[in-house]
Amino acid sequence: MIRLFFYYHILVSTGLNAIFNRLIKAVKLPTTTIHGLRHTHATILMNNSIPDKAIAEHLGNTPEMIHSVCGHVLQEMEAQTVAVFSESLKRNRAKSGVSS
């Protein structure tokens, strides 16, 4: 019974991937996988400032898993955060009269 389930899972999974690949090719999108779409979905949410805990719950993961898989996005967001904060300090320093 376990072997039958295993073969059924492979056939269904392979069939789904084949259909997906034909659709991607038909609409002339860049080649990806169903799992790749999941990663893209998480990345889009992160880039739109959705908290990692909310993303993890939405995808059925843990925040730690989101950090390990999407760590590069978090690093980019950290660099952007530092840049925004630095620019804010420069602007506010000029407005508040604080001298260098």
Protein backbone atom coordinates (compact mmCIF):
# COMPACT_ATOMS: atom_id res chain seq x y z
CA MET A 1 0.00 0.00 0.00
CA ILE A 2 2.83 2.41 0.87
CA ARG A 3 4.56 1.65 -2.45
CA LEU A 4 1.31 2.31 -4.34
CA PHE A 5 0.91 5.67 -2.59
CA PHE A 6 4.51 6.55 -3.39
CA TYR A 7 4.05 5.82 -7.11
CA TYR A 8 0.70 7.65 -7.18
CA HIS A 9 2.34 10.71 -5.56
CA ILE A 10 5.13 10.72 -8.16
CA LEU A 11 2.66 10.40 -11.05
CA VAL A 12 0.39 13.16 -9.77
CA SER A 13 3.34 15.40 -8.95
CA THR A 14 4.94 14.80 -12.36
CA GLY A 15 1.63 15.38 -14.13
CA LEU A 16 1.06 18.65 -12.29
CA ASN A 17 4.57 19.84 -13.14
CA ALA A 18 4.08 18.94 -16.80
CA ILE A 19 0.84 20.93 -16.97
CA PHE A 20 2.48 23.83 -15.16
CA ASN A 21 5.47 23.81 -17.53
CA ARG A 22 3.18 23.81 -20.59
CA LEU A 23 1.24 26.78 -19.20
CA ILE A 24 4.41 28.73 -18.42
CA LYS A 25 5.71 28.08 -21.94
CA ALA A 26 2.36 28.98 -23.55
CA VAL A 27 2.21 32.40 -21.90
CA LYS A 28 5.93 32.99 -22.50
CA LEU A 29 6.89 33.50 -18.87
CA PRO A 30 10.40 32.80 -17.58
CA THR A 31 10.95 29.16 -16.70
CA THR A 32 10.29 28.38 -13.04
CA THR A 33 8.87 25.64 -10.85
CA ILE A 34 5.85 25.45 -8.62
CA HIS A 35 8.23 25.65 -5.67
CA GLY A 36 9.87 28.66 -7.31
CA LEU A 37 6.49 30.41 -7.32
CA ARG A 38 6.24 29.81 -3.57
CA HIS A 39 9.63 31.45 -3.06
CA THR A 40 8.64 34.34 -5.35
CA HIS A 41 5.42 34.77 -3.37
CA ALA A 42 7.36 35.01 -0.09
CA THR A 43 9.86 37.45 -1.63
CA ILE A 44 7.10 39.73 -2.92
CA LEU A 45 5.47 39.78 0.50
CA MET A 46 8.79 40.57 2.18
CA ASN A 47 9.51 43.38 -0.28
CA ASN A 48 6.14 44.87 0.63
CA SER A 49 7.03 44.97 4.34
CA ILE A 50 4.82 42.08 5.41
CA PRO A 51 6.22 40.77 8.71
CA ASP A 52 8.13 37.49 8.43
CA LYS A 53 5.91 35.91 11.09
CA ALA A 54 2.82 36.64 8.98
CA ILE A 55 4.52 35.25 5.87
CA ALA A 56 5.53 32.11 7.75
CA GLU A 57 1.99 31.54 8.98
CA HIS A 58 0.59 32.22 5.49
CA LEU A 59 2.95 29.67 3.90
CA GLY A 60 2.73 27.15 6.74
CA ASN A 61 6.34 27.65 7.80
CA THR A 62 8.19 29.00 10.81
CA PRO A 63 9.84 32.43 10.89
CA GLU A 64 13.18 30.61 11.17
CA MET A 65 12.49 28.79 7.91
CA ILE A 66 11.62 32.07 6.21
CA HIS A 67 14.90 33.55 7.49
CA SER A 68 16.97 30.64 6.23
CA VAL A 69 15.33 30.42 2.80
CA CYS A 70 14.81 34.14 2.14
CA GLY A 71 17.82 35.47 4.01
CA HIS A 72 19.10 37.35 0.98
CA VAL A 73 15.91 39.42 0.87
CA LEU A 74 16.23 40.23 4.56
CA GLN A 75 19.82 41.40 4.00
CA GLU A 76 18.69 43.67 1.17
CA MET A 77 15.91 45.05 3.37
CA GLU A 78 18.41 45.67 6.18
CA ALA A 79 20.63 47.68 3.83
CA GLN A 80 17.60 49.68 2.68
CA THR A 81 16.57 50.29 6.31
CA VAL A 82 20.01 51.64 7.17
CA ALA A 83 19.99 53.90 4.10
CA VAL A 84 16.53 55.29 4.89
CA PHE A 85 17.47 55.90 8.52
CA SER A 86 20.75 57.59 7.57
CA GLU A 87 18.98 59.85 5.09
CA SER A 88 16.37 60.71 7.72
CA LEU A 89 19.10 61.68 10.18
CA LYS A 90 20.72 63.95 7.58
CA ARG A 91 17.43 65.69 6.80
CA ASN A 92 16.37 66.07 10.43
CA ARG A 93 19.76 67.32 11.53
CA ALA A 94 19.44 70.21 9.11
CA LYS A 95 15.89 71.00 10.30
CA SER A 96 16.60 70.71 14.02
CA GLY A 97 19.66 72.96 13.99
CA VAL A 98 21.98 70.26 15.34
CA SER A 99 25.48 70.92 14.07
CA SER A 100 28.02 68.34 12.98
